[in-house]
């Protein structure tokens, strides 16, 4: 970790949030890594196909229903009420 990020407010003060697109669509698609949706893959299927054999995958939709999707903003870094 760089020195400038060792204190709590650095991410916000330096506006690093504005430089990063962390959306699922920003992750480069690859033929080597499956993209699965949490609503379309059952627990046992996930365990058998990905967890047990240590196969990486991108899981889409896992945070769709989180309150933080609408209450948290990177600009302020806290929940808005």
PDB file of N, CA and C in Angstrom:
ATOM      1  N   UNK A   1       0.847  -1.178   0.000  1.00  0.00           N
ATOM      2  CA  UNK A   1       0.000   0.000   0.000  1.00  0.00           C
ATOM      3  C   UNK A   1       0.889   1.237   0.000  1.00  0.00           C
ATOM      4  N   UNK A   2       0.525   2.187  -0.791  1.00  0.00           N
ATOM      5  CA  UNK A   2       1.319   3.403  -0.836  1.00  0.00           C
ATOM      6  C   UNK A   2       1.100   4.219   0.423  1.00  0.00           C
ATOM      7  N   UNK A   3       2.058   5.055   0.745  1.00  0.00           N
ATOM      8  CA  UNK A   3       2.000   5.875   1.948  1.00  0.00           C
ATOM      9  C   UNK A   3       0.763   6.773   1.947  1.00  0.00           C
ATOM     10  N   UNK A   4       0.412   7.306   0.797  1.00  0.00           N
ATOM     11  CA  UNK A   4      -0.702   8.246   0.730  1.00  0.00           C
ATOM     12  C   UNK A   4      -2.060   7.612   1.039  1.00  0.00           C
ATOM     13  N   UNK A   5      -2.169   6.283   1.000  1.00  0.00           N
ATOM     14  CA  UNK A   5      -3.437   5.630   1.316  1.00  0.00           C
ATOM     15  C   UNK A   5      -3.456   4.995   2.707  1.00  0.00           C
ATOM     16  N   UNK A   6      -2.484   5.282   3.535  1.00  0.00           N
ATOM     17  CA  UNK A   6      -2.419   4.660   4.852  1.00  0.00           C
ATOM     18  C   UNK A   6      -3.318   5.335   5.880  1.00  0.00           C
ATOM     19  N   UNK A   7      -3.971   6.386   5.541  1.00  0.00           N
ATOM     20  CA  UNK A   7      -4.892   7.006   6.497  1.00  0.00           C
ATOM     21  C   UNK A   7      -6.297   6.982   5.921  1.00  0.00           C
ATOM     22  N   UNK A   8      -7.276   6.958   6.815  1.00  0.00           N
ATOM     23  CA  UNK A   8      -8.671   6.684   6.481  1.00  0.00           C
ATOM     24  C   UNK A   8      -9.268   7.593   5.406  1.00  0.00           C
ATOM     25  N   UNK A   9      -8.990   8.864   5.404  1.00  0.00           N
ATOM     26  CA  UNK A   9      -9.627   9.794   4.482  1.00  0.00           C
ATOM     27  C   UNK A   9      -8.948   9.960   3.138  1.00  0.00           C
ATOM     28  N   UNK A  10      -7.867   9.245   2.885  1.00  0.00           N
ATOM     29  CA  UNK A  10      -7.093   9.443   1.654  1.00  0.00           C
ATOM     30  C   UNK A  10      -7.898   9.150   0.392  1.00  0.00           C
ATOM     31  N   UNK A  11      -8.665   8.081   0.397  1.00  0.00           N
ATOM     32  CA  UNK A  11      -9.438   7.712  -0.787  1.00  0.00           C
ATOM     33  C   UNK A  11     -10.366   8.850  -1.191  1.00  0.00           C
ATOM     34  N   UNK A  12     -11.053   9.423  -0.204  1.00  0.00           N
ATOM     35  CA  UNK A  12     -11.989  10.508  -0.480  1.00  0.00           C
ATOM     36  C   UNK A  12     -11.256  11.806  -0.829  1.00  0.00           C
ATOM     37  N   UNK A  13     -10.275  12.182  -0.022  1.00  0.00           N
ATOM     38  CA  UNK A  13      -9.579  13.452  -0.222  1.00  0.00           C
ATOM     39  C   UNK A  13      -8.879  13.525  -1.576  1.00  0.00           C
ATOM     40  N   UNK A  14      -8.294  12.429  -1.994  1.00  0.00           N
ATOM     41  CA  UNK A  14      -7.557  12.417  -3.260  1.00  0.00           C
ATOM     42  C   UNK A  14      -8.459  12.079  -4.453  1.00  0.00           C
ATOM     43  N   UNK A  15      -9.760  11.904  -4.186  1.00  0.00           N
ATOM     44  CA  UNK A  15     -10.767  11.630  -5.235  1.00  0.00           C
ATOM     45  C   UNK A  15     -10.440  10.400  -6.072  1.00  0.00           C
ATOM     46  N   UNK A  16      -9.822   9.399  -5.450  1.00  0.00           N
ATOM     47  CA  UNK A  16      -9.521   8.178  -6.192  1.00  0.00           C
ATOM     48  C   UNK A  16     -10.784   7.495  -6.688  1.00  0.00           C
ATOM     49  N   UNK A  17     -11.894   7.656  -5.977  1.00  0.00           N
ATOM     50  CA  UNK A  17     -13.156   7.052  -6.377  1.00  0.00           C
ATOM     51  C   UNK A  17     -13.563   7.470  -7.787  1.00  0.00           C
ATOM     52  N   UNK A  18     -13.169   8.660  -8.199  1.00  0.00           N
ATOM     53  CA  UNK A  18     -13.580   9.153  -9.517  1.00  0.00           C
ATOM     54  C   UNK A  18     -12.764   8.549 -10.660  1.00  0.00           C
ATOM     55  N   UNK A  19     -11.662   7.881 -10.323  1.00  0.00           N
ATOM     56  CA  UNK A  19     -10.770   7.335 -11.344  1.00  0.00           C
ATOM     57  C   UNK A  19     -11.004   5.857 -11.642  1.00  0.00           C
ATOM     58  N   UNK A  20     -11.841   5.197 -10.850  1.00  0.00           N
ATOM     59  CA  UNK A  20     -12.009   3.762 -10.984  1.00  0.00           C
ATOM     60  C   UNK A  20     -13.442   3.399 -11.333  1.00  0.00           C
ATOM     61  N   UNK A  21     -13.607   2.557 -12.321  1.00  0.00           N
ATOM     62  CA  UNK A  21     -14.904   2.002 -12.654  1.00  0.00           C
ATOM     63  C   UNK A  21     -14.896   0.563 -12.153  1.00  0.00           C
ATOM     64  N   UNK A  22     -15.596   0.321 -11.069  1.00  0.00           N
ATOM     65  CA  UNK A  22     -15.609  -1.011 -10.460  1.00  0.00           C
ATOM     66  C   UNK A  22     -16.876  -1.783 -10.804  1.00  0.00           C
ATOM     67  N   UNK A  23     -17.609  -1.335 -11.789  1.00  0.00           N
ATOM     68  CA  UNK A  23     -18.837  -2.019 -12.173  1.00  0.00           C
ATOM     69  C   UNK A  23     -18.490  -3.352 -12.840  1.00  0.00           C
ATOM     70  N   UNK A  24     -19.412  -4.321 -12.757  1.00  0.00           N
ATOM     71  CA  UNK A  24     -19.141  -5.615 -13.401  1.00  0.00           C
ATOM     72  C   UNK A  24     -18.830  -5.483 -14.891  1.00  0.00           C
ATOM     73  N   UNK A  25     -19.440  -4.495 -15.550  1.00  0.00           N
ATOM     74  CA  UNK A  25     -19.191  -4.337 -16.981  1.00  0.00           C
ATOM     75  C   UNK A  25     -17.777  -3.858 -17.281  1.00  0.00           C
ATOM     76  N   UNK A  26     -17.094  -3.311 -16.276  1.00  0.00           N
ATOM     77  CA  UNK A  26     -15.728  -2.831 -16.501  1.00  0.00           C
ATOM     78  C   UNK A  26     -14.695  -3.959 -16.431  1.00  0.00           C
ATOM     79  N   UNK A  27     -15.093  -5.097 -15.873  1.00  0.00           N
ATOM     80  CA  UNK A  27     -14.176  -6.233 -15.765  1.00  0.00           C
ATOM     81  C   UNK A  27     -14.052  -6.868 -17.149  1.00  0.00           C
ATOM     82  N   UNK A  28     -12.842  -6.956 -17.611  1.00  0.00           N
ATOM     83  CA  UNK A  28     -12.600  -7.482 -18.951  1.00  0.00           C
ATOM     84  C   UNK A  28     -13.106  -8.918 -19.053  1.00  0.00           C
ATOM     85  N   UNK A  29     -13.938  -9.163 -20.047  1.00  0.00           N
ATOM     86  CA  UNK A  29     -14.457 -10.510 -20.242  1.00  0.00           C
ATOM     87  C   UNK A  29     -13.357 -11.404 -20.797  1.00  0.00           C
ATOM     88  N   UNK A  30     -13.411 -12.648 -20.384  1.00  0.00           N
ATOM     89  CA  UNK A  30     -12.379 -13.589 -20.764  1.00  0.00           C
ATOM     90  C   UNK A  30     -13.006 -14.953 -21.006  1.00  0.00           C
ATOM     91  N   UNK A  31     -12.519 -15.632 -21.991  1.00  0.00           N
ATOM     92  CA  UNK A  31     -13.009 -16.985 -22.266  1.00  0.00           C
ATOM     93  C   UNK A  31     -12.586 -17.946 -21.159  1.00  0.00           C
ATOM     94  N   UNK A  32     -11.558 -17.590 -20.403  1.00  0.00           N
ATOM     95  CA  UNK A  32     -11.043 -18.471 -19.358  1.00  0.00           C
ATOM     96  C   UNK A  32     -11.820 -18.365 -18.046  1.00  0.00           C
ATOM     97  N   UNK A  33     -12.561 -17.277 -17.852  1.00  0.00           N
ATOM     98  CA  UNK A  33     -13.269 -17.069 -16.581  1.00  0.00           C
ATOM     99  C   UNK A  33     -14.761 -16.924 -16.856  1.00  0.00           C
ATOM    100  N   UNK A  34     -15.545 -17.829 -16.253  1.00  0.00           N
ATOM    101  CA  UNK A  34     -16.998 -17.779 -16.424  1.00  0.00           C
ATOM    102  C   UNK A  34     -17.588 -16.590 -15.686  1.00  0.00           C
ATOM    103  N   UNK A  35     -18.670 -16.048 -16.242  1.00  0.00           N
ATOM    104  CA  UNK A  35     -19.470 -15.032 -15.570  1.00  0.00           C
ATOM    105  C   UNK A  35     -20.809 -15.700 -15.272  1.00  0.00           C
ATOM    106  N   UNK A  36     -21.149 -15.786 -13.978  1.00  0.00           N
ATOM    107  CA  UNK A  36     -22.392 -16.443 -13.591  1.00  0.00           C
ATOM    108  C   UNK A  36     -23.254 -15.450 -12.815  1.00  0.00           C
ATOM    109  N   UNK A  37     -24.556 -15.618 -12.913  1.00  0.00           N
ATOM    110  CA  UNK A  37     -25.460 -14.741 -12.163  1.00  0.00           C
ATOM    111  C   UNK A  37     -25.950 -15.506 -10.941  1.00  0.00           C
ATOM    112  N   UNK A  38     -25.961 -14.822  -9.825  1.00  0.00           N
ATOM    113  CA  UNK A  38     -26.321 -15.444  -8.561  1.00  0.00           C
ATOM    114  C   UNK A  38     -27.718 -16.075  -8.597  1.00  0.00           C
ATOM    115  N   UNK A  39     -28.630 -15.539  -9.392  1.00  0.00           N
ATOM    116  CA  UNK A  39     -29.991 -16.071  -9.477  1.00  0.00           C
ATOM    117  C   UNK A  39     -30.111 -17.276 -10.404  1.00  0.00           C
ATOM    118  N   UNK A  40     -29.073 -17.558 -11.176  1.00  0.00           N
ATOM    119  CA  UNK A  40     -29.174 -18.632 -12.169  1.00  0.00           C
ATOM    120  C   UNK A  40     -28.296 -19.846 -11.864  1.00  0.00           C
ATOM    121  N   UNK A  41     -27.540 -19.773 -10.776  1.00  0.00           N
ATOM    122  CA  UNK A  41     -26.673 -20.889 -10.390  1.00  0.00           C
ATOM    123  C   UNK A  41     -26.994 -21.249  -8.945  1.00  0.00           C
ATOM    124  N   UNK A  42     -27.430 -22.462  -8.736  1.00  0.00           N
ATOM    125  CA  UNK A  42     -27.768 -22.920  -7.393  1.00  0.00           C
ATOM    126  C   UNK A  42     -26.523 -23.142  -6.546  1.00  0.00           C
ATOM    127  N   UNK A  43     -26.731 -23.224  -5.246  1.00  0.00           N
ATOM    128  CA  UNK A  43     -25.617 -23.394  -4.314  1.00  0.00           C
ATOM    129  C   UNK A  43     -24.822 -24.662  -4.608  1.00  0.00           C
ATOM    130  N   UNK A  44     -25.509 -25.788  -4.756  1.00  0.00           N
ATOM    131  CA  UNK A  44     -24.802 -27.046  -5.007  1.00  0.00           C
ATOM    132  C   UNK A  44     -24.053 -27.030  -6.344  1.00  0.00           C
ATOM    133  N   UNK A  45     -24.681 -26.427  -7.347  1.00  0.00           N
ATOM    134  CA  UNK A  45     -24.017 -26.304  -8.649  1.00  0.00           C
ATOM    135  C   UNK A  45     -22.759 -25.444  -8.531  1.00  0.00           C
ATOM    136  N   UNK A  46     -22.869 -24.325  -7.788  1.00  0.00           N
ATOM    137  CA  UNK A  46     -21.700 -23.461  -7.589  1.00  0.00           C
ATOM    138  C   UNK A  46     -20.578 -24.209  -6.878  1.00  0.00           C
ATOM    139  N   UNK A  47     -20.938 -24.916  -5.829  1.00  0.00           N
ATOM    140  CA  UNK A  47     -19.922 -25.667  -5.064  1.00  0.00           C
ATOM    141  C   UNK A  47     -19.241 -26.698  -5.955  1.00  0.00           C
ATOM    142  N   UNK A  48     -20.025 -27.471  -6.707  1.00  0.00           N
ATOM    143  CA  UNK A  48     -19.464 -28.531  -7.556  1.00  0.00           C
ATOM    144  C   UNK A  48     -18.626 -27.991  -8.717  1.00  0.00           C
ATOM    145  N   UNK A  49     -19.085 -26.904  -9.347  1.00  0.00           N
ATOM    146  CA  UNK A  49     -18.405 -26.406 -10.547  1.00  0.00           C
ATOM    147  C   UNK A  49     -17.290 -25.406 -10.277  1.00  0.00           C
ATOM    148  N   UNK A  50     -17.379 -24.684  -9.151  1.00  0.00           N
ATOM    149  CA  UNK A  50     -16.409 -23.608  -8.925  1.00  0.00           C
ATOM    150  C   UNK A  50     -15.633 -23.727  -7.611  1.00  0.00           C
ATOM    151  N   UNK A  51     -16.347 -23.935  -6.499  1.00  0.00           N
ATOM    152  CA  UNK A  51     -15.657 -23.927  -5.205  1.00  0.00           C
ATOM    153  C   UNK A  51     -14.760 -25.150  -5.008  1.00  0.00           C
ATOM    154  N   UNK A  52     -15.303 -26.340  -5.158  1.00  0.00           N
ATOM    155  CA  UNK A  52     -14.507 -27.561  -4.926  1.00  0.00           C
ATOM    156  C   UNK A  52     -13.278 -27.651  -5.838  1.00  0.00           C
ATOM    157  N   UNK A  53     -13.444 -27.393  -7.149  1.00  0.00           N
ATOM    158  CA  UNK A  53     -12.261 -27.509  -8.020  1.00  0.00           C
ATOM    159  C   UNK A  53     -11.412 -26.227  -8.087  1.00  0.00           C
ATOM    160  N   UNK A  54     -11.766 -25.218  -7.268  1.00  0.00           N
ATOM    161  CA  UNK A  54     -11.025 -23.942  -7.253  1.00  0.00           C
ATOM    162  C   UNK A  54     -10.996 -23.276  -8.631  1.00  0.00           C
ATOM    163  N   UNK A  55     -12.140 -23.216  -9.273  1.00  0.00           N
ATOM    164  CA  UNK A  55     -12.268 -22.586 -10.585  1.00  0.00           C
ATOM    165  C   UNK A  55     -12.757 -21.155 -10.384  1.00  0.00           C
ATOM    166  N   UNK A  56     -12.001 -20.171 -10.872  1.00  0.00           N
ATOM    167  CA  UNK A  56     -12.430 -18.773 -10.682  1.00  0.00           C
ATOM    168  C   UNK A  56     -13.659 -18.443 -11.519  1.00  0.00           C
ATOM    169  N   UNK A  57     -14.446 -17.497 -11.039  1.00  0.00           N
ATOM    170  CA  UNK A  57     -15.596 -17.014 -11.792  1.00  0.00           C
ATOM    171  C   UNK A  57     -15.945 -15.613 -11.296  1.00  0.00           C
ATOM    172  N   UNK A  58     -16.652 -14.878 -12.133  1.00  0.00           N
ATOM    173  CA  UNK A  58     -17.170 -13.563 -11.754  1.00  0.00           C
ATOM    174  C   UNK A  58     -18.642 -13.789 -11.427  1.00  0.00           C
ATOM    175  N   UNK A  59     -19.046 -13.406 -10.213  1.00  0.00           N
ATOM    176  CA  UNK A  59     -20.432 -13.597  -9.791  1.00  0.00           C
ATOM    177  C   UNK A  59     -21.167 -12.277  -9.936  1.00  0.00           C
ATOM    178  N   UNK A  60     -22.153 -12.282 -10.822  1.00  0.00           N
ATOM    179  CA  UNK A  60     -22.941 -11.083 -11.082  1.00  0.00           C
ATOM    180  C   UNK A  60     -24.214 -11.101 -10.233  1.00  0.00           C
ATOM    181  N   UNK A  61     -24.705  -9.929  -9.868  1.00  0.00           N
ATOM    182  CA  UNK A  61     -25.986  -9.800  -9.189  1.00  0.00           C
ATOM    183  C   UNK A  61     -25.968 -10.020  -7.696  1.00  0.00           C
ATOM    184  N   UNK A  62     -24.822 -10.325  -7.113  1.00  0.00           N
ATOM    185  CA  UNK A  62     -24.764 -10.641  -5.684  1.00  0.00           C
ATOM    186  C   UNK A  62     -25.095  -9.442  -4.793  1.00  0.00           C
ATOM    187  N   UNK A  63     -24.881  -8.239  -5.273  1.00  0.00           N
ATOM    188  CA  UNK A  63     -25.131  -7.054  -4.443  1.00  0.00           C
ATOM    189  C   UNK A  63     -26.318  -6.226  -4.933  1.00  0.00           C
ATOM    190  N   UNK A  64     -27.080  -6.754  -5.873  1.00  0.00           N
ATOM    191  CA  UNK A  64     -28.179  -5.979  -6.456  1.00  0.00           C
ATOM    192  C   UNK A  64     -29.201  -5.496  -5.435  1.00  0.00           C
ATOM    193  N   UNK A  65     -29.442  -6.265  -4.400  1.00  0.00           N
ATOM    194  CA  UNK A  65     -30.477  -5.911  -3.423  1.00  0.00           C
ATOM    195  C   UNK A  65     -29.904  -5.272  -2.158  1.00  0.00           C
ATOM    196  N   UNK A  66     -28.644  -4.967  -2.130  1.00  0.00           N
ATOM    197  CA  UNK A  66     -28.032  -4.345  -0.960  1.00  0.00           C
ATOM    198  C   UNK A  66     -28.476  -2.890  -0.853  1.00  0.00           C
ATOM    199  N   UNK A  67     -28.802  -2.447   0.349  1.00  0.00           N
ATOM    200  CA  UNK A  67     -29.150  -1.043   0.578  1.00  0.00           C
ATOM    201  C   UNK A  67     -28.016  -0.114   0.174  1.00  0.00           C
ATOM    202  N   UNK A  68     -26.805  -0.582   0.306  1.00  0.00           N
ATOM    203  CA  UNK A  68     -25.648   0.261  -0.013  1.00  0.00           C
ATOM    204  C   UNK A  68     -25.619   0.667  -1.484  1.00  0.00           C
ATOM    205  N   UNK A  69     -26.319  -0.055  -2.342  1.00  0.00           N
ATOM    206  CA  UNK A  69     -26.362   0.300  -3.763  1.00  0.00           C
ATOM    207  C   UNK A  69     -26.948   1.696  -3.970  1.00  0.00           C
ATOM    208  N   UNK A  70     -27.858   2.105  -3.089  1.00  0.00           N
ATOM    209  CA  UNK A  70     -28.481   3.418  -3.241  1.00  0.00           C
ATOM    210  C   UNK A  70     -28.126   4.384  -2.120  1.00  0.00           C
ATOM    211  N   UNK A  71     -27.668   3.873  -0.981  1.00  0.00           N
ATOM    212  CA  UNK A  71     -27.395   4.746   0.163  1.00  0.00           C
ATOM    213  C   UNK A  71     -25.940   5.187   0.272  1.00  0.00           C
ATOM    214  N   UNK A  72     -25.030   4.458  -0.348  1.00  0.00           N
ATOM    215  CA  UNK A  72     -23.610   4.779  -0.229  1.00  0.00           C
ATOM    216  C   UNK A  72     -23.127   5.393  -1.527  1.00  0.00           C
ATOM    217  N   UNK A  73     -22.371   6.443  -1.416  1.00  0.00           N
ATOM    218  CA  UNK A  73     -21.783   7.039  -2.617  1.00  0.00           C
ATOM    219  C   UNK A  73     -20.277   7.147  -2.428  1.00  0.00           C
ATOM    220  N   UNK A  74     -19.501   6.849  -3.444  1.00  0.00           N
ATOM    221  CA  UNK A  74     -18.048   6.925  -3.319  1.00  0.00           C
ATOM    222  C   UNK A  74     -17.563   8.334  -3.011  1.00  0.00           C
ATOM    223  N   UNK A  75     -18.307   9.327  -3.460  1.00  0.00           N
ATOM    224  CA  UNK A  75     -17.875  10.701  -3.251  1.00  0.00           C
ATOM    225  C   UNK A  75     -17.790  11.064  -1.770  1.00  0.00           C
ATOM    226  N   UNK A  76     -18.748  10.574  -0.998  1.00  0.00           N
ATOM    227  CA  UNK A  76     -18.758  10.911   0.424  1.00  0.00           C
ATOM    228  C   UNK A  76     -18.300   9.750   1.286  1.00  0.00           C
ATOM    229  N   UNK A  77     -18.376   8.552   0.780  1.00  0.00           N
ATOM    230  CA  UNK A  77     -17.857   7.391   1.481  1.00  0.00           C
ATOM    231  C   UNK A  77     -18.646   6.971   2.702  1.00  0.00           C
ATOM    232  N   UNK A  78     -19.902   7.321   2.775  1.00  0.00           N
ATOM    233  CA  UNK A  78     -20.713   6.874   3.898  1.00  0.00           C
ATOM    234  C   UNK A  78     -22.164   6.750   3.459  1.00  0.00           C
ATOM    235  N   UNK A  79     -22.959   6.146   4.326  1.00  0.00           N
ATOM    236  CA  UNK A  79     -24.363   5.954   4.003  1.00  0.00           C
ATOM    237  C   UNK A  79     -25.107   7.271   4.070  1.00  0.00           C
ATOM    238  N   UNK A  80     -25.969   7.494   3.107  1.00  0.00           N
ATOM    239  CA  UNK A  80     -26.827   8.667   3.136  1.00  0.00           C
ATOM    240  C   UNK A  80     -28.207   8.219   3.593  1.00  0.00           C
ATOM    241  N   UNK A  81     -28.871   9.055   4.305  1.00  0.00           N
ATOM    242  CA  UNK A  81     -30.184   8.702   4.853  1.00  0.00           C
ATOM    243  C   UNK A  81     -31.260   9.571   4.235  1.00  0.00           C
TER     244      UNK A  81
END
